[in-house]
N, C-alpha and C. Protein backbone atom coordinates (compact mmCIF):
# COMPACT_ATOMS: atom_id res chain seq x y z
N MET A 1 6.87 -18.10 -53.36
CA MET A 1 5.52 -17.66 -53.61
C MET A 1 5.58 -16.37 -54.42
N SER A 2 4.77 -16.27 -55.43
CA SER A 2 4.79 -15.07 -56.26
C SER A 2 3.90 -13.98 -55.65
N ARG A 3 4.15 -12.76 -56.06
CA ARG A 3 3.39 -11.61 -55.59
C ARG A 3 1.90 -11.80 -55.85
N PRO A 4 1.06 -11.21 -54.98
CA PRO A 4 -0.38 -11.34 -55.20
C PRO A 4 -0.89 -10.50 -56.36
N CYS A 5 -0.13 -9.48 -56.77
CA CYS A 5 -0.53 -8.63 -57.88
C CYS A 5 0.73 -8.09 -58.57
N LEU A 6 0.68 -7.97 -59.89
CA LEU A 6 1.83 -7.49 -60.66
C LEU A 6 1.52 -6.23 -61.46
N CYS A 7 0.41 -5.57 -61.17
CA CYS A 7 0.01 -4.43 -62.00
C CYS A 7 0.90 -3.20 -61.79
N ASP A 8 1.53 -3.06 -60.62
CA ASP A 8 2.40 -1.92 -60.29
C ASP A 8 1.73 -0.56 -60.51
N GLN A 9 0.44 -0.49 -60.24
CA GLN A 9 -0.30 0.77 -60.35
C GLN A 9 -0.19 1.55 -59.04
N CYS A 10 1.05 2.00 -58.75
CA CYS A 10 1.30 2.79 -57.55
C CYS A 10 2.56 3.61 -57.76
N ASP A 11 2.73 4.62 -56.92
CA ASP A 11 3.92 5.45 -56.96
C ASP A 11 5.08 4.64 -56.40
N LEU A 12 6.15 4.48 -57.16
CA LEU A 12 7.27 3.65 -56.74
C LEU A 12 8.31 4.43 -55.93
N SER A 13 8.12 5.72 -55.76
CA SER A 13 9.03 6.51 -54.96
C SER A 13 9.05 5.97 -53.53
N PRO A 14 10.24 5.79 -52.93
CA PRO A 14 10.29 5.22 -51.58
C PRO A 14 9.62 6.07 -50.51
N TRP A 15 9.38 7.34 -50.77
CA TRP A 15 8.78 8.22 -49.76
C TRP A 15 7.31 8.52 -50.04
N SER A 16 6.74 7.86 -51.03
CA SER A 16 5.34 8.15 -51.36
C SER A 16 4.39 7.56 -50.33
N ARG A 17 3.27 8.23 -50.16
CA ARG A 17 2.20 7.73 -49.31
C ARG A 17 1.17 7.05 -50.18
N PHE A 18 0.53 6.04 -49.63
CA PHE A 18 -0.51 5.34 -50.38
C PHE A 18 -1.65 6.28 -50.70
N GLN A 19 -2.13 6.22 -51.93
CA GLN A 19 -3.27 7.01 -52.38
C GLN A 19 -4.42 6.07 -52.73
N PRO A 20 -5.66 6.46 -52.49
CA PRO A 20 -6.81 5.58 -52.71
C PRO A 20 -6.92 5.00 -54.13
N HIS A 21 -6.42 5.71 -55.14
CA HIS A 21 -6.54 5.23 -56.51
C HIS A 21 -5.46 4.19 -56.87
N GLU A 22 -4.51 3.96 -55.96
CA GLU A 22 -3.41 3.04 -56.24
C GLU A 22 -3.76 1.61 -55.82
N CYS A 23 -3.03 0.65 -56.38
CA CYS A 23 -3.19 -0.75 -55.99
C CYS A 23 -2.51 -0.95 -54.64
N ARG A 24 -3.28 -1.29 -53.63
CA ARG A 24 -2.74 -1.45 -52.27
C ARG A 24 -1.73 -2.59 -52.21
N LEU A 25 -1.99 -3.70 -52.89
CA LEU A 25 -1.08 -4.84 -52.85
C LEU A 25 0.28 -4.50 -53.46
N CYS A 26 0.28 -3.80 -54.57
CA CYS A 26 1.55 -3.41 -55.20
C CYS A 26 2.26 -2.35 -54.37
N TRP A 27 1.49 -1.39 -53.79
CA TRP A 27 2.11 -0.37 -52.95
C TRP A 27 2.81 -1.02 -51.76
N LEU A 28 2.14 -1.97 -51.11
CA LEU A 28 2.76 -2.66 -49.97
C LEU A 28 4.01 -3.41 -50.40
N TYR A 29 3.96 -4.07 -51.54
CA TYR A 29 5.11 -4.83 -52.02
C TYR A 29 6.32 -3.91 -52.22
N HIS A 30 6.12 -2.74 -52.76
CA HIS A 30 7.23 -1.82 -53.05
C HIS A 30 7.66 -0.97 -51.86
N HIS A 31 6.84 -0.83 -50.82
CA HIS A 31 7.14 0.07 -49.72
C HIS A 31 7.31 -0.58 -48.35
N ASP A 32 6.97 -1.84 -48.22
CA ASP A 32 7.07 -2.52 -46.92
C ASP A 32 8.01 -3.73 -47.06
N PRO A 33 9.23 -3.63 -46.53
CA PRO A 33 10.21 -4.71 -46.68
C PRO A 33 9.73 -6.06 -46.15
N GLU A 34 9.02 -6.08 -45.02
CA GLU A 34 8.54 -7.35 -44.47
C GLU A 34 7.49 -7.98 -45.38
N TYR A 35 6.61 -7.17 -45.95
CA TYR A 35 5.59 -7.66 -46.87
C TYR A 35 6.27 -8.23 -48.13
N ARG A 36 7.25 -7.50 -48.65
CA ARG A 36 7.98 -7.94 -49.85
C ARG A 36 8.74 -9.25 -49.56
N ASP A 37 9.40 -9.33 -48.40
CA ASP A 37 10.14 -10.55 -48.05
C ASP A 37 9.21 -11.74 -47.93
N PHE A 38 8.00 -11.52 -47.40
CA PHE A 38 7.03 -12.60 -47.29
C PHE A 38 6.70 -13.18 -48.67
N TRP A 39 6.41 -12.31 -49.63
CA TRP A 39 6.04 -12.79 -50.95
C TRP A 39 7.23 -13.29 -51.76
N ASP A 40 8.42 -12.77 -51.48
CA ASP A 40 9.61 -13.26 -52.17
C ASP A 40 10.15 -14.54 -51.56
N GLY A 41 9.59 -14.95 -50.41
CA GLY A 41 10.01 -16.18 -49.77
C GLY A 41 11.31 -16.04 -48.99
N GLU A 42 11.73 -14.82 -48.73
CA GLU A 42 12.97 -14.62 -47.98
C GLU A 42 12.68 -14.55 -46.49
N GLN A 43 13.59 -15.06 -45.70
CA GLN A 43 13.48 -14.96 -44.26
C GLN A 43 14.56 -14.01 -43.76
N LEU A 44 14.23 -13.20 -42.79
CA LEU A 44 15.24 -12.32 -42.22
C LEU A 44 16.29 -13.17 -41.52
N SER A 45 17.55 -12.90 -41.79
CA SER A 45 18.63 -13.72 -41.26
C SER A 45 18.88 -13.51 -39.78
N GLU A 46 18.55 -12.35 -39.27
CA GLU A 46 18.77 -12.07 -37.86
C GLU A 46 17.73 -11.09 -37.37
N GLU A 47 17.57 -11.05 -36.07
CA GLU A 47 16.64 -10.11 -35.44
C GLU A 47 17.14 -8.69 -35.66
N PRO A 48 16.28 -7.76 -36.11
CA PRO A 48 16.73 -6.38 -36.28
C PRO A 48 17.19 -5.79 -34.95
N THR A 49 18.14 -4.89 -35.01
CA THR A 49 18.66 -4.24 -33.82
C THR A 49 17.56 -3.41 -33.17
N ARG A 50 17.40 -3.57 -31.88
CA ARG A 50 16.42 -2.76 -31.14
C ARG A 50 17.05 -1.42 -30.80
N ARG A 51 16.34 -0.37 -31.07
CA ARG A 51 16.85 0.98 -30.81
C ARG A 51 15.91 1.66 -29.84
N ALA A 52 16.44 2.00 -28.66
CA ALA A 52 15.61 2.59 -27.62
C ALA A 52 15.48 4.10 -27.75
N LEU A 53 16.50 4.77 -28.27
CA LEU A 53 16.48 6.22 -28.37
C LEU A 53 16.22 6.67 -29.81
N PRO A 54 15.60 7.84 -29.98
CA PRO A 54 15.37 8.35 -31.33
C PRO A 54 16.69 8.67 -32.05
N CYS A 55 16.62 8.71 -33.33
CA CYS A 55 17.77 9.06 -34.18
C CYS A 55 17.96 10.59 -34.16
N ILE A 56 19.20 11.03 -34.26
CA ILE A 56 19.45 12.47 -34.27
C ILE A 56 18.89 13.16 -35.52
N HIS A 57 18.62 12.39 -36.55
CA HIS A 57 18.10 12.95 -37.81
C HIS A 57 16.57 13.04 -37.83
N LEU A 58 15.91 12.45 -36.83
CA LEU A 58 14.46 12.40 -36.80
C LEU A 58 13.88 13.75 -36.42
N GLY A 59 12.93 14.23 -37.22
CA GLY A 59 12.32 15.54 -36.99
C GLY A 59 10.93 15.42 -36.40
N ALA A 60 10.16 16.47 -36.57
CA ALA A 60 8.82 16.57 -35.99
C ALA A 60 7.81 15.71 -36.73
N VAL A 61 6.69 15.46 -36.07
CA VAL A 61 5.57 14.73 -36.68
C VAL A 61 4.96 15.61 -37.78
N LEU A 62 4.80 15.03 -38.97
CA LEU A 62 4.22 15.75 -40.10
C LEU A 62 2.74 15.41 -40.28
N ASP A 63 2.40 14.14 -40.02
CA ASP A 63 1.02 13.68 -40.24
C ASP A 63 0.77 12.47 -39.35
N ARG A 64 -0.28 12.53 -38.55
CA ARG A 64 -0.61 11.39 -37.67
C ARG A 64 -1.40 10.32 -38.40
N ARG A 65 -1.79 10.58 -39.63
CA ARG A 65 -2.47 9.62 -40.50
C ARG A 65 -3.74 9.05 -39.87
N GLY A 66 -4.32 9.76 -38.93
CA GLY A 66 -5.54 9.28 -38.28
C GLY A 66 -5.32 8.01 -37.48
N CYS A 67 -4.09 7.75 -37.07
CA CYS A 67 -3.73 6.52 -36.39
C CYS A 67 -3.23 6.83 -34.98
N PRO A 68 -3.61 6.03 -33.97
CA PRO A 68 -3.14 6.27 -32.61
C PRO A 68 -1.72 5.76 -32.35
N CYS A 69 -1.14 5.02 -33.29
CA CYS A 69 0.18 4.43 -33.08
C CYS A 69 1.29 5.38 -33.56
N PRO A 70 2.11 5.92 -32.65
CA PRO A 70 3.18 6.84 -33.05
C PRO A 70 4.20 6.22 -34.01
N GLY A 71 4.34 4.90 -34.00
CA GLY A 71 5.28 4.25 -34.90
C GLY A 71 4.88 4.36 -36.37
N LEU A 72 3.60 4.66 -36.62
CA LEU A 72 3.10 4.77 -38.00
C LEU A 72 2.93 6.22 -38.45
N TRP A 73 3.14 7.16 -37.54
CA TRP A 73 3.01 8.57 -37.90
C TRP A 73 4.13 8.97 -38.85
N LEU A 74 3.81 9.84 -39.78
CA LEU A 74 4.79 10.35 -40.73
C LEU A 74 5.59 11.46 -40.05
N ARG A 75 6.91 11.30 -40.04
CA ARG A 75 7.80 12.28 -39.41
C ARG A 75 8.83 12.73 -40.42
N GLY A 76 9.43 13.86 -40.15
CA GLY A 76 10.50 14.36 -41.00
C GLY A 76 11.82 13.69 -40.65
N CYS A 77 12.64 13.46 -41.65
CA CYS A 77 14.00 12.95 -41.45
C CYS A 77 14.91 13.89 -42.23
N PHE A 78 15.94 14.39 -41.58
CA PHE A 78 16.83 15.35 -42.22
C PHE A 78 17.68 14.72 -43.32
N LEU A 79 17.74 13.38 -43.36
CA LEU A 79 18.51 12.69 -44.41
C LEU A 79 17.62 12.13 -45.51
N HIS A 80 16.46 11.60 -45.14
CA HIS A 80 15.64 10.84 -46.09
C HIS A 80 14.27 11.41 -46.38
N GLY A 81 13.92 12.53 -45.79
CA GLY A 81 12.59 13.10 -46.01
C GLY A 81 11.56 12.44 -45.10
N PRO A 82 10.28 12.41 -45.50
CA PRO A 82 9.23 11.85 -44.65
C PRO A 82 9.40 10.34 -44.45
N ILE A 83 9.34 9.92 -43.18
CA ILE A 83 9.46 8.50 -42.84
C ILE A 83 8.58 8.18 -41.64
N THR A 84 8.50 6.92 -41.28
CA THR A 84 7.86 6.50 -40.04
C THR A 84 8.95 6.02 -39.09
N ILE A 85 8.61 5.94 -37.81
CA ILE A 85 9.59 5.44 -36.83
C ILE A 85 9.93 3.99 -37.17
N GLN A 86 8.97 3.23 -37.68
CA GLN A 86 9.24 1.84 -38.05
C GLN A 86 10.34 1.78 -39.11
N THR A 87 10.31 2.69 -40.06
CA THR A 87 11.35 2.75 -41.09
C THR A 87 12.67 3.19 -40.47
N CYS A 88 12.62 4.16 -39.59
CA CYS A 88 13.82 4.69 -38.94
C CYS A 88 14.56 3.60 -38.16
N LYS A 89 13.81 2.69 -37.56
CA LYS A 89 14.42 1.63 -36.74
C LYS A 89 15.33 0.71 -37.54
N THR A 90 15.14 0.64 -38.84
CA THR A 90 15.96 -0.25 -39.66
C THR A 90 16.91 0.50 -40.59
N CYS A 91 16.98 1.82 -40.45
CA CYS A 91 17.79 2.64 -41.34
C CYS A 91 19.29 2.48 -41.03
N PRO A 92 20.11 2.29 -42.05
CA PRO A 92 21.56 2.16 -41.82
C PRO A 92 22.21 3.47 -41.40
N ASP A 93 21.53 4.61 -41.56
CA ASP A 93 22.08 5.90 -41.19
C ASP A 93 21.72 6.33 -39.78
N TYR A 94 21.08 5.43 -39.02
CA TYR A 94 20.64 5.73 -37.64
C TYR A 94 21.82 6.16 -36.78
N GLU A 95 21.64 7.25 -36.04
CA GLU A 95 22.60 7.70 -35.04
C GLU A 95 21.83 8.02 -33.78
N GLU A 96 22.20 7.38 -32.68
CA GLU A 96 21.49 7.54 -31.42
C GLU A 96 21.54 8.97 -30.90
N ASP A 97 20.39 9.48 -30.50
CA ASP A 97 20.31 10.83 -29.92
C ASP A 97 20.38 10.68 -28.41
N ALA A 98 21.57 10.83 -27.85
CA ALA A 98 21.78 10.60 -26.42
C ALA A 98 21.31 11.70 -25.62
């Protein structure tokens, strides 16, 4: 299945936040791996590893984005800059904070 939009009118930086003037469909395609995999027709080969403890690189909450879900809050990462916990859960640089 092809992408729903090809205009690419969005910031392609992996750490950018969606802005109202950008194309939401293109922003999701470039910033959300599950959304991109859906449109590219790829299936995840295995269940992602479940991580119960935070990563040692995860910093403080930077922006709650007006959302009650902590998994979507923007947090600092000492390796990658601003991220969400959802992104952190799939990061190859994850190190358990015991």
